[in-house]
Each structure stands twice: as structure tokens, then as C-alpha cells.
Amino acid sequence: MRIVIQRVSESSVHINRQLKAQIGNGLMILAGFEENDTEEDIVWMSKKISSLRIFDDDQGVMNLSVCDVKGEILLISQFTLFAKTKKGNRPSYIKAAKPELSIPLYHTFINQLTIESGIQVKSGEFGADMQISLINNGPVTIIIDSKNKE
């Protein structure tokens, strides 16, 4: 499981020119799944995201989590996070999990992250053509892979 977290002032997702979800201050997260991902990866990632201290405290030091600042979370499925670009010019997505595995993992991740953070996670729609808007606050962008826990 691989995620890209962006600390945002605001973010939204549109599908077919219709607003699906939007947030204010918080995290916009892109999430990709691979074939060997399990619920264990989701639990670990949910805990990591909920406690990640990337929001400024009163002294301007990144010392607070999204939970501490009562922020919001927008989660977007993103299979292209597993693009392989070593050969040729067309990325290969062979490492990305097939929909029959990744759709349940995506929904489990939304639920687990909601439970772990205490924040109602908003989301896009798996497999949809989505237009994502965001204002990256910082900018702060962090990549985490559940297979690289050390």
C-alpha cells in the first residue's frame, strides 16, 4: 500500500463536473494498493496517518496531527502510484491490485481511517475519472509505503 499525503488548506473532488466531496484544513490522501496488501497494512497506515505530526503548533513547529487540529481528510484511490517506468515510455501498472481486491481494500481503508482518526473521512469514487483540486499548505507532501515500515 502506497500513499501520498498532502497537507491542504482546502481540497475537493469532482466527478462528471459534480462536486463529490470537499474539505477545508486537513489532509488530501492519494492511496494505491498492490496485490499483497492486507488489512494489516490498512491498520498500520491508518495509525500512522492519524498520528503523523505535520501541522504547526503555536511556535510554528510541525508538532500536531490532523486529529489535534480537528482537521478533515479526503481520500482518493490512485492506482497509478504503482506505475513502473523502468522500461519504455508507457508506464506499466502490473503491480497495482486488480479492482476485485483494491475496491474492498479502499472501502476498508476509509472505514479504518475514520475509526482510527475519529474524523469522518470523505472520498472520491473508486475507478471514476476524477478532477482533484487542492491548495497544498506548506507545501507539505509525504509519501509512505506500508512495505517500508522501518
C-alpha atoms as a PDB file:
ATOM      1  CA  MET A   1       0.000   0.000   0.000  1.00  0.00           C
ATOM      2  CA  ARG A   2       1.378   3.339  -1.001  1.00  0.00           C
ATOM      3  CA  ILE A   3       0.019   6.764  -0.116  1.00  0.00           C
ATOM      4  CA  VAL A   4       0.807  10.365  -0.882  1.00  0.00           C
ATOM      5  CA  ILE A   5      -0.316  12.772   1.841  1.00  0.00           C
ATOM      6  CA  GLN A   6      -0.671  16.463   1.162  1.00  0.00           C
ATOM      7  CA  ARG A   7      -1.372  18.927   3.948  1.00  0.00           C
ATOM      8  CA  VAL A   8      -4.018  21.215   2.473  1.00  0.00           C
ATOM      9  CA  SER A   9      -5.908  24.393   3.229  1.00  0.00           C
ATOM     10  CA  GLU A  10      -8.697  23.024   1.068  1.00  0.00           C
ATOM     11  CA  SER A  11      -9.305  20.216  -1.406  1.00  0.00           C
ATOM     12  CA  SER A  12     -12.174  18.885  -3.484  1.00  0.00           C
ATOM     13  CA  VAL A  13     -13.020  16.107  -5.908  1.00  0.00           C
ATOM     14  CA  HIS A  14     -15.411  16.442  -8.843  1.00  0.00           C
ATOM     15  CA  ILE A  15     -16.840  13.601 -10.927  1.00  0.00           C
ATOM     16  CA  ASN A  16     -18.669  14.439 -14.169  1.00  0.00           C
ATOM     17  CA  ARG A  17     -18.465  18.124 -13.198  1.00  0.00           C
ATOM     18  CA  GLN A  18     -20.387  17.391  -9.989  1.00  0.00           C
ATOM     19  CA  LEU A  19     -18.848  18.039  -6.575  1.00  0.00           C
ATOM     20  CA  LYS A  20     -18.390  14.667  -4.837  1.00  0.00           C
ATOM     21  CA  ALA A  21     -16.557  15.828  -1.699  1.00  0.00           C
ATOM     22  CA  GLN A  22     -14.614  18.764  -0.300  1.00  0.00           C
ATOM     23  CA  ILE A  23     -12.630  19.575   2.812  1.00  0.00           C
ATOM     24  CA  GLY A  24     -11.025  22.570   4.444  1.00  0.00           C
ATOM     25  CA  ASN A  25      -7.867  22.384   6.569  1.00  0.00           C
ATOM     26  CA  GLY A  26      -6.600  18.822   6.666  1.00  0.00           C
ATOM     27  CA  LEU A  27      -5.132  16.035   4.567  1.00  0.00           C
ATOM     28  CA  MET A  28      -5.736  15.051   0.960  1.00  0.00           C
ATOM     29  CA  ILE A  29      -4.522  11.481   0.573  1.00  0.00           C
ATOM     30  CA  LEU A  30      -3.916   9.503  -2.615  1.00  0.00           C
ATOM     31  CA  ALA A  31      -3.942   5.746  -1.937  1.00  0.00           C
ATOM     32  CA  GLY A  32      -2.787   2.884  -4.141  1.00  0.00           C
ATOM     33  CA  PHE A  33      -2.974  -0.833  -3.396  1.00  0.00           C
ATOM     34  CA  GLU A  34      -0.877  -3.749  -4.599  1.00  0.00           C
ATOM     35  CA  GLU A  35      -1.716  -7.457  -4.785  1.00  0.00           C
ATOM     36  CA  ASN A  36      -0.138  -8.447  -1.449  1.00  0.00           C
ATOM     37  CA  ASP A  37      -1.769  -5.701   0.651  1.00  0.00           C
ATOM     38  CA  THR A  38      -3.872  -6.823   3.613  1.00  0.00           C
ATOM     39  CA  GLU A  39      -5.953  -5.365   6.417  1.00  0.00           C
ATOM     40  CA  GLU A  40      -2.744  -5.304   8.471  1.00  0.00           C
ATOM     41  CA  ASP A  41      -1.340  -2.712   6.025  1.00  0.00           C
ATOM     42  CA  ILE A  42      -4.534  -0.666   6.345  1.00  0.00           C
ATOM     43  CA  VAL A  43      -4.488  -0.715  10.149  1.00  0.00           C
ATOM     44  CA  TRP A  44      -0.806   0.276  10.245  1.00  0.00           C
ATOM     45  CA  MET A  45      -1.317   3.056   7.681  1.00  0.00           C
ATOM     46  CA  SER A  46      -4.408   4.401   9.470  1.00  0.00           C
ATOM     47  CA  LYS A  47      -2.499   4.651  12.742  1.00  0.00           C
ATOM     48  CA  LYS A  48       0.455   6.301  11.008  1.00  0.00           C
ATOM     49  CA  ILE A  49      -1.718   8.910   9.264  1.00  0.00           C
ATOM     50  CA  SER A  50      -3.749   9.698  12.389  1.00  0.00           C
ATOM     51  CA  SER A  51      -0.650  10.352  14.494  1.00  0.00           C
ATOM     52  CA  LEU A  52       1.581  11.960  11.845  1.00  0.00           C
ATOM     53  CA  ARG A  53       2.644  15.338  13.254  1.00  0.00           C
ATOM     54  CA  ILE A  54       2.712  17.634  10.218  1.00  0.00           C
ATOM     55  CA  PHE A  55       0.606  20.587  11.416  1.00  0.00           C
ATOM     56  CA  ASP A  56       2.156  23.619  13.099  1.00  0.00           C
ATOM     57  CA  ASP A  57       1.845  24.222  16.826  1.00  0.00           C
ATOM     58  CA  ASP A  58       1.788  27.713  18.410  1.00  0.00           C
ATOM     59  CA  GLN A  59       5.558  28.015  17.873  1.00  0.00           C
ATOM     60  CA  GLY A  60       5.328  27.202  14.153  1.00  0.00           C
ATOM     61  CA  VAL A  61       6.814  23.717  14.604  1.00  0.00           C
ATOM     62  CA  MET A  62       5.211  20.727  12.869  1.00  0.00           C
ATOM     63  CA  ASN A  63       4.167  19.046  16.086  1.00  0.00           C
ATOM     64  CA  LEU A  64       0.421  18.395  15.723  1.00  0.00           C
ATOM     65  CA  SER A  65      -1.583  15.683  13.957  1.00  0.00           C
ATOM     66  CA  VAL A  66      -4.703  16.079  11.835  1.00  0.00           C
ATOM     67  CA  CYS A  67      -6.640  14.879  14.888  1.00  0.00           C
ATOM     68  CA  ASP A  68      -5.013  17.518  17.125  1.00  0.00           C
ATOM     69  CA  VAL A  69      -6.027  20.359  14.783  1.00  0.00           C
ATOM     70  CA  LYS A  70      -9.511  18.894  14.208  1.00  0.00           C
ATOM     71  CA  GLY A  71      -8.756  18.765  10.503  1.00  0.00           C
ATOM     72  CA  GLU A  72     -10.523  16.927   7.717  1.00  0.00           C
ATOM     73  CA  ILE A  73      -9.453  14.056   5.452  1.00  0.00           C
ATOM     74  CA  LEU A  74     -10.156  13.464   1.763  1.00  0.00           C
ATOM     75  CA  LEU A  75      -9.102  10.028   0.462  1.00  0.00           C
ATOM     76  CA  ILE A  76      -8.724   9.350  -3.268  1.00  0.00           C
ATOM     77  CA  SER A  77      -7.942   5.984  -4.904  1.00  0.00           C
ATOM     78  CA  GLN A  78      -4.887   6.211  -7.162  1.00  0.00           C
ATOM     79  CA  PHE A  79      -3.660   3.004  -8.826  1.00  0.00           C
ATOM     80  CA  THR A  80      -1.005   4.962 -10.759  1.00  0.00           C
ATOM     81  CA  LEU A  81       1.064   5.201  -7.555  1.00  0.00           C
ATOM     82  CA  PHE A  82       2.349   1.747  -8.549  1.00  0.00           C
ATOM     83  CA  ALA A  83       3.441   2.770 -12.044  1.00  0.00           C
ATOM     84  CA  LYS A  84       6.623   1.089 -13.246  1.00  0.00           C
ATOM     85  CA  THR A  85       8.582   3.294 -15.610  1.00  0.00           C
ATOM     86  CA  LYS A  86      11.879   1.414 -15.930  1.00  0.00           C
ATOM     87  CA  LYS A  87      11.262   0.152 -19.480  1.00  0.00           C
ATOM     88  CA  GLY A  88       9.943   2.230 -22.333  1.00  0.00           C
ATOM     89  CA  ASN A  89       7.790   5.317 -22.095  1.00  0.00           C
ATOM     90  CA  ARG A  90       4.396   3.832 -21.260  1.00  0.00           C
ATOM     91  CA  PRO A  91       4.037   3.109 -17.529  1.00  0.00           C
ATOM     92  CA  SER A  92       3.111  -0.407 -16.505  1.00  0.00           C
ATOM     93  CA  TYR A  93       0.611  -0.884 -13.689  1.00  0.00           C
ATOM     94  CA  ILE A  94       1.178  -4.603 -13.231  1.00  0.00           C
ATOM     95  CA  LYS A  95       1.994  -4.142  -9.516  1.00  0.00           C
ATOM     96  CA  ALA A  96      -1.310  -2.378  -8.830  1.00  0.00           C
ATOM     97  CA  ALA A  97      -4.006  -4.602  -7.316  1.00  0.00           C
ATOM     98  CA  LYS A  98      -6.920  -5.564  -9.544  1.00  0.00           C
ATOM     99  CA  PRO A  99     -10.296  -3.950  -8.736  1.00  0.00           C
ATOM    100  CA  GLU A 100     -11.685  -7.122  -7.115  1.00  0.00           C
ATOM    101  CA  LEU A 101      -9.013  -6.740  -4.415  1.00  0.00           C
ATOM    102  CA  SER A 102      -8.438  -2.990  -4.347  1.00  0.00           C
ATOM    103  CA  ILE A 103     -12.096  -1.899  -4.115  1.00  0.00           C
ATOM    104  CA  PRO A 104     -12.696  -3.766  -0.825  1.00  0.00           C
ATOM    105  CA  LEU A 105      -9.312  -2.554   0.482  1.00  0.00           C
ATOM    106  CA  TYR A 106     -10.220   1.033  -0.401  1.00  0.00           C
ATOM    107  CA  HIS A 107     -13.537   0.854   1.452  1.00  0.00           C
ATOM    108  CA  THR A 108     -11.882  -0.871   4.416  1.00  0.00           C
ATOM    109  CA  PHE A 109      -9.259   1.898   4.461  1.00  0.00           C
ATOM    110  CA  ILE A 110     -11.943   4.617   4.533  1.00  0.00           C
ATOM    111  CA  ASN A 111     -13.659   2.874   7.467  1.00  0.00           C
ATOM    112  CA  GLN A 112     -10.448   2.117   9.384  1.00  0.00           C
ATOM    113  CA  LEU A 113      -9.082   5.636   8.952  1.00  0.00           C
ATOM    114  CA  THR A 114     -12.409   7.060  10.164  1.00  0.00           C
ATOM    115  CA  ILE A 115     -12.265   4.822  13.249  1.00  0.00           C
ATOM    116  CA  GLU A 116      -8.583   5.497  13.976  1.00  0.00           C
ATOM    117  CA  SER A 117      -8.733   9.264  13.482  1.00  0.00           C
ATOM    118  CA  GLY A 118     -12.229   9.955  14.749  1.00  0.00           C
ATOM    119  CA  ILE A 119     -12.701  12.042  11.578  1.00  0.00           C
ATOM    120  CA  GLN A 120     -15.395  11.210   9.041  1.00  0.00           C
ATOM    121  CA  VAL A 121     -13.210  10.512   6.006  1.00  0.00           C
ATOM    122  CA  LYS A 122     -14.536  11.893   2.739  1.00  0.00           C
ATOM    123  CA  SER A 123     -13.655  10.171  -0.514  1.00  0.00           C
ATOM    124  CA  GLY A 124     -13.760  10.089  -4.260  1.00  0.00           C
ATOM    125  CA  GLU A 125     -15.214   7.188  -6.209  1.00  0.00           C
ATOM    126  CA  PHE A 126     -13.063   4.189  -7.000  1.00  0.00           C
ATOM    127  CA  GLY A 127     -12.328   3.916 -10.726  1.00  0.00           C
ATOM    128  CA  ALA A 128     -14.050   7.171 -11.656  1.00  0.00           C
ATOM    129  CA  ASP A 129     -12.494   9.890 -13.783  1.00  0.00           C
ATOM    130  CA  MET A 130     -11.965  12.442 -11.014  1.00  0.00           C
ATOM    131  CA  GLN A 131     -10.774  16.028 -11.040  1.00  0.00           C
ATOM    132  CA  ILE A 132      -8.923  16.852  -7.834  1.00  0.00           C
ATOM    133  CA  SER A 133      -8.313  20.414  -6.664  1.00  0.00           C
ATOM    134  CA  LEU A 134      -6.191  21.372  -3.713  1.00  0.00           C
ATOM    135  CA  ILE A 135      -4.243  24.119  -2.092  1.00  0.00           C
ATOM    136  CA  ASN A 136      -1.163  22.472  -0.631  1.00  0.00           C
ATOM    137  CA  ASN A 137      -0.381  24.148   2.688  1.00  0.00           C
ATOM    138  CA  GLY A 138       3.369  24.490   3.180  1.00  0.00           C
ATOM    139  CA  PRO A 139       3.832  22.816   0.807  1.00  0.00           C
ATOM    140  CA  VAL A 140       3.879  19.568   2.756  1.00  0.00           C
ATOM    141  CA  THR A 141       3.809  16.333   0.745  1.00  0.00           C
ATOM    142  CA  ILE A 142       4.769  12.954   2.237  1.00  0.00           C
ATOM    143  CA  ILE A 143       4.958   9.515   0.627  1.00  0.00           C
ATOM    144  CA  ILE A 144       4.508   6.405   2.792  1.00  0.00           C
ATOM    145  CA  ASP A 145       4.705   2.759   1.685  1.00  0.00           C
ATOM    146  CA  SER A 146       3.401   0.097   4.060  1.00  0.00           C
ATOM    147  CA  LYS A 147       6.096  -2.294   2.836  1.00  0.00           C
ATOM    148  CA  ASN A 148       8.811   0.103   4.107  1.00  0.00           C
ATOM    149  CA  LYS A 149       7.880   0.377   7.783  1.00  0.00           C
ATOM    150  CA  GLU A 150      11.419   0.830   9.049  1.00  0.00           C
END
